[in-house]
Amino acid sequence: TDAITKAVISVNQTYVDTLKKQGKFDAEAQATAKQMAIDKAKELITADSKAAINTLYNDFEAYLNNAIETLVRENKL
């Protein structure tokens, strides 16, 4: 969870906030931001943690997507 949080915050600070200030944060930019967060989280999550997530949730990719969506939603509020 910590790695996913760091990934989302990093993308928000380096990409999303800049585009929002420029008024250019559209649906395409949202998709790009999500993919950036996914890629960053994958870099930060260890192989052992990925294996544990797969054991617990059966699908690492689905878990990662849901966790990112949840964090983005929480950050909006």
N, C-alpha and C. Protein backbone atom coordinates (compact mmCIF):
# COMPACT_ATOMS: atom_id res chain seq x y z
N THR A 1 0.82 -1.20 0.00
CA THR A 1 0.00 0.00 0.00
C THR A 1 0.86 1.25 0.00
N ASP A 2 1.96 1.21 0.75
CA ASP A 2 2.84 2.37 0.82
C ASP A 2 3.43 2.69 -0.55
N ALA A 3 3.84 1.69 -1.28
CA ALA A 3 4.41 1.90 -2.62
C ALA A 3 3.37 2.49 -3.56
N ILE A 4 2.15 2.03 -3.46
CA ILE A 4 1.08 2.54 -4.33
C ILE A 4 0.78 3.99 -3.98
N THR A 5 0.74 4.30 -2.70
CA THR A 5 0.51 5.67 -2.26
C THR A 5 1.62 6.59 -2.77
N LYS A 6 2.86 6.15 -2.64
CA LYS A 6 3.98 6.96 -3.13
C LYS A 6 3.89 7.17 -4.64
N ALA A 7 3.49 6.16 -5.37
CA ALA A 7 3.37 6.28 -6.82
C ALA A 7 2.29 7.29 -7.19
N VAL A 8 1.14 7.22 -6.55
CA VAL A 8 0.04 8.14 -6.85
C VAL A 8 0.43 9.57 -6.51
N ILE A 9 1.03 9.77 -5.35
CA ILE A 9 1.44 11.11 -4.95
C ILE A 9 2.49 11.67 -5.91
N SER A 10 3.44 10.84 -6.30
CA SER A 10 4.48 11.27 -7.22
C SER A 10 3.90 11.72 -8.55
N VAL A 11 3.00 10.94 -9.11
CA VAL A 11 2.37 11.30 -10.39
C VAL A 11 1.54 12.56 -10.24
N ASN A 12 0.83 12.69 -9.13
CA ASN A 12 0.05 13.91 -8.89
C ASN A 12 0.94 15.14 -8.87
N GLN A 13 2.06 15.04 -8.18
CA GLN A 13 2.94 16.20 -8.03
C GLN A 13 3.69 16.54 -9.31
N THR A 14 4.07 15.54 -10.07
CA THR A 14 4.92 15.80 -11.24
C THR A 14 4.15 15.92 -12.55
N TYR A 15 2.94 15.42 -12.60
CA TYR A 15 2.22 15.38 -13.87
C TYR A 15 0.83 16.02 -13.76
N VAL A 16 0.03 15.51 -12.88
CA VAL A 16 -1.38 15.94 -12.79
C VAL A 16 -1.49 17.41 -12.40
N ASP A 17 -0.80 17.81 -11.35
CA ASP A 17 -0.92 19.19 -10.89
C ASP A 17 -0.51 20.19 -11.96
N THR A 18 0.55 19.87 -12.70
CA THR A 18 1.02 20.74 -13.77
C THR A 18 -0.04 20.89 -14.86
N LEU A 19 -0.61 19.77 -15.28
CA LEU A 19 -1.64 19.84 -16.33
C LEU A 19 -2.90 20.54 -15.85
N LYS A 20 -3.26 20.33 -14.61
CA LYS A 20 -4.45 21.01 -14.07
C LYS A 20 -4.25 22.52 -14.07
N LYS A 21 -3.07 22.98 -13.69
CA LYS A 21 -2.78 24.42 -13.68
C LYS A 21 -2.87 25.00 -15.09
N GLN A 22 -2.53 24.19 -16.08
CA GLN A 22 -2.57 24.63 -17.48
C GLN A 22 -3.95 24.43 -18.10
N GLY A 23 -4.87 23.81 -17.36
CA GLY A 23 -6.20 23.54 -17.88
C GLY A 23 -6.21 22.46 -18.95
N LYS A 24 -5.23 21.55 -18.88
CA LYS A 24 -5.08 20.52 -19.91
C LYS A 24 -5.27 19.11 -19.38
N PHE A 25 -5.91 18.98 -18.23
CA PHE A 25 -6.07 17.65 -17.65
C PHE A 25 -7.40 17.06 -18.11
N ASP A 26 -7.36 16.37 -19.26
CA ASP A 26 -8.56 15.79 -19.86
C ASP A 26 -8.57 14.27 -19.65
N ALA A 27 -9.50 13.60 -20.30
CA ALA A 27 -9.63 12.14 -20.15
C ALA A 27 -8.37 11.40 -20.60
N GLU A 28 -7.75 11.87 -21.65
CA GLU A 28 -6.51 11.24 -22.12
C GLU A 28 -5.39 11.41 -21.09
N ALA A 29 -5.30 12.58 -20.52
CA ALA A 29 -4.29 12.83 -19.49
C ALA A 29 -4.56 11.99 -18.24
N GLN A 30 -5.83 11.80 -17.92
CA GLN A 30 -6.19 10.94 -16.78
C GLN A 30 -5.71 9.52 -17.01
N ALA A 31 -5.93 9.01 -18.20
CA ALA A 31 -5.49 7.65 -18.53
C ALA A 31 -3.97 7.54 -18.46
N THR A 32 -3.30 8.56 -18.96
CA THR A 32 -1.84 8.58 -18.91
C THR A 32 -1.35 8.61 -17.46
N ALA A 33 -1.99 9.43 -16.64
CA ALA A 33 -1.61 9.53 -15.23
C ALA A 33 -1.80 8.19 -14.52
N LYS A 34 -2.89 7.52 -14.81
CA LYS A 34 -3.13 6.23 -14.18
C LYS A 34 -2.05 5.23 -14.59
N GLN A 35 -1.72 5.20 -15.86
CA GLN A 35 -0.68 4.28 -16.32
C GLN A 35 0.67 4.62 -15.70
N MET A 36 0.95 5.89 -15.57
CA MET A 36 2.20 6.31 -14.92
C MET A 36 2.24 5.82 -13.47
N ALA A 37 1.12 5.93 -12.77
CA ALA A 37 1.05 5.47 -11.37
C ALA A 37 1.21 3.95 -11.30
N ILE A 38 0.59 3.24 -12.23
CA ILE A 38 0.72 1.78 -12.27
C ILE A 38 2.18 1.40 -12.49
N ASP A 39 2.81 2.02 -13.47
CA ASP A 39 4.22 1.71 -13.78
C ASP A 39 5.12 2.02 -12.60
N LYS A 40 4.91 3.17 -11.96
CA LYS A 40 5.72 3.56 -10.82
C LYS A 40 5.52 2.60 -9.65
N ALA A 41 4.29 2.22 -9.38
CA ALA A 41 4.00 1.29 -8.29
C ALA A 41 4.66 -0.06 -8.55
N LYS A 42 4.60 -0.52 -9.79
CA LYS A 42 5.23 -1.80 -10.13
C LYS A 42 6.74 -1.76 -9.88
N GLU A 43 7.35 -0.61 -10.12
CA GLU A 43 8.78 -0.46 -9.85
C GLU A 43 9.08 -0.53 -8.35
N LEU A 44 8.17 0.01 -7.55
CA LEU A 44 8.40 0.10 -6.11
C LEU A 44 8.02 -1.16 -5.33
N ILE A 45 7.11 -1.95 -5.87
CA ILE A 45 6.64 -3.14 -5.16
C ILE A 45 7.59 -4.30 -5.42
N THR A 46 8.04 -4.92 -4.36
CA THR A 46 8.99 -6.02 -4.48
C THR A 46 8.32 -7.27 -5.03
N ALA A 47 9.13 -8.18 -5.53
CA ALA A 47 8.62 -9.44 -6.06
C ALA A 47 7.89 -10.23 -4.97
N ASP A 48 8.43 -10.21 -3.76
CA ASP A 48 7.77 -10.92 -2.65
C ASP A 48 6.40 -10.33 -2.35
N SER A 49 6.31 -8.99 -2.38
CA SER A 49 5.03 -8.35 -2.14
C SER A 49 4.03 -8.66 -3.25
N LYS A 50 4.50 -8.68 -4.49
CA LYS A 50 3.63 -9.03 -5.62
C LYS A 50 3.09 -10.45 -5.45
N ALA A 51 3.97 -11.35 -5.03
CA ALA A 51 3.55 -12.74 -4.81
C ALA A 51 2.52 -12.82 -3.69
N ALA A 52 2.73 -12.06 -2.64
CA ALA A 52 1.78 -12.07 -1.51
C ALA A 52 0.43 -11.51 -1.94
N ILE A 53 0.44 -10.44 -2.73
CA ILE A 53 -0.81 -9.86 -3.23
C ILE A 53 -1.53 -10.86 -4.11
N ASN A 54 -0.80 -11.55 -4.97
CA ASN A 54 -1.42 -12.57 -5.82
C ASN A 54 -2.04 -13.68 -4.98
N THR A 55 -1.36 -14.06 -3.91
CA THR A 55 -1.89 -15.10 -3.03
C THR A 55 -3.17 -14.63 -2.34
N LEU A 56 -3.15 -13.40 -1.85
CA LEU A 56 -4.30 -12.88 -1.10
C LEU A 56 -5.47 -12.48 -1.99
N TYR A 57 -5.19 -11.88 -3.15
CA TYR A 57 -6.25 -11.31 -3.98
C TYR A 57 -6.41 -11.98 -5.34
N ASN A 58 -5.57 -12.93 -5.65
CA ASN A 58 -5.63 -13.71 -6.89
C ASN A 58 -5.30 -12.96 -8.17
N ASP A 59 -5.14 -11.64 -8.10
CA ASP A 59 -4.89 -10.87 -9.32
C ASP A 59 -4.17 -9.58 -8.96
N PHE A 60 -2.87 -9.57 -9.14
CA PHE A 60 -2.06 -8.40 -8.80
C PHE A 60 -2.51 -7.17 -9.58
N GLU A 61 -2.73 -7.31 -10.87
CA GLU A 61 -3.11 -6.18 -11.72
C GLU A 61 -4.43 -5.56 -11.26
N ALA A 62 -5.41 -6.39 -10.98
CA ALA A 62 -6.71 -5.89 -10.52
C ALA A 62 -6.56 -5.18 -9.18
N TYR A 63 -5.79 -5.77 -8.27
CA TYR A 63 -5.55 -5.15 -6.97
C TYR A 63 -4.90 -3.78 -7.15
N LEU A 64 -3.88 -3.71 -7.98
CA LEU A 64 -3.17 -2.47 -8.21
C LEU A 64 -4.09 -1.40 -8.80
N ASN A 65 -4.87 -1.77 -9.80
CA ASN A 65 -5.82 -0.83 -10.40
C ASN A 65 -6.82 -0.31 -9.39
N ASN A 66 -7.39 -1.20 -8.60
CA ASN A 66 -8.38 -0.80 -7.60
C ASN A 66 -7.76 0.08 -6.52
N ALA A 67 -6.56 -0.26 -6.08
CA ALA A 67 -5.89 0.54 -5.05
C ALA A 67 -5.59 1.95 -5.56
N ILE A 68 -5.15 2.06 -6.80
CA ILE A 68 -4.86 3.37 -7.38
C ILE A 68 -6.14 4.18 -7.52
N GLU A 69 -7.19 3.58 -8.02
CA GLU A 69 -8.47 4.29 -8.15
C GLU A 69 -8.96 4.79 -6.79
N THR A 70 -8.82 3.97 -5.77
CA THR A 70 -9.25 4.35 -4.42
C THR A 70 -8.45 5.53 -3.90
N LEU A 71 -7.14 5.48 -4.07
CA LEU A 71 -6.28 6.58 -3.60
C LEU A 71 -6.55 7.87 -4.35
N VAL A 72 -6.76 7.80 -5.65
CA VAL A 72 -7.07 8.98 -6.43
C VAL A 72 -8.38 9.59 -5.94
N ARG A 73 -9.35 8.76 -5.71
CA ARG A 73 -10.65 9.23 -5.21
C ARG A 73 -10.49 9.91 -3.85
N GLU A 74 -9.74 9.28 -2.95
CA GLU A 74 -9.52 9.85 -1.62
C GLU A 74 -8.80 11.19 -1.71
N ASN A 75 -7.84 11.29 -2.62
CA ASN A 75 -7.10 12.55 -2.79
C ASN A 75 -8.00 13.67 -3.31
N LYS A 76 -8.99 13.33 -4.12
CA LYS A 76 -9.92 14.33 -4.63
C LYS A 76 -10.78 14.92 -3.53
N LEU A 77 -11.13 14.06 -2.57
CA LEU A 77 -12.00 14.49 -1.48
C LEU A 77 -11.20 15.29 -0.48
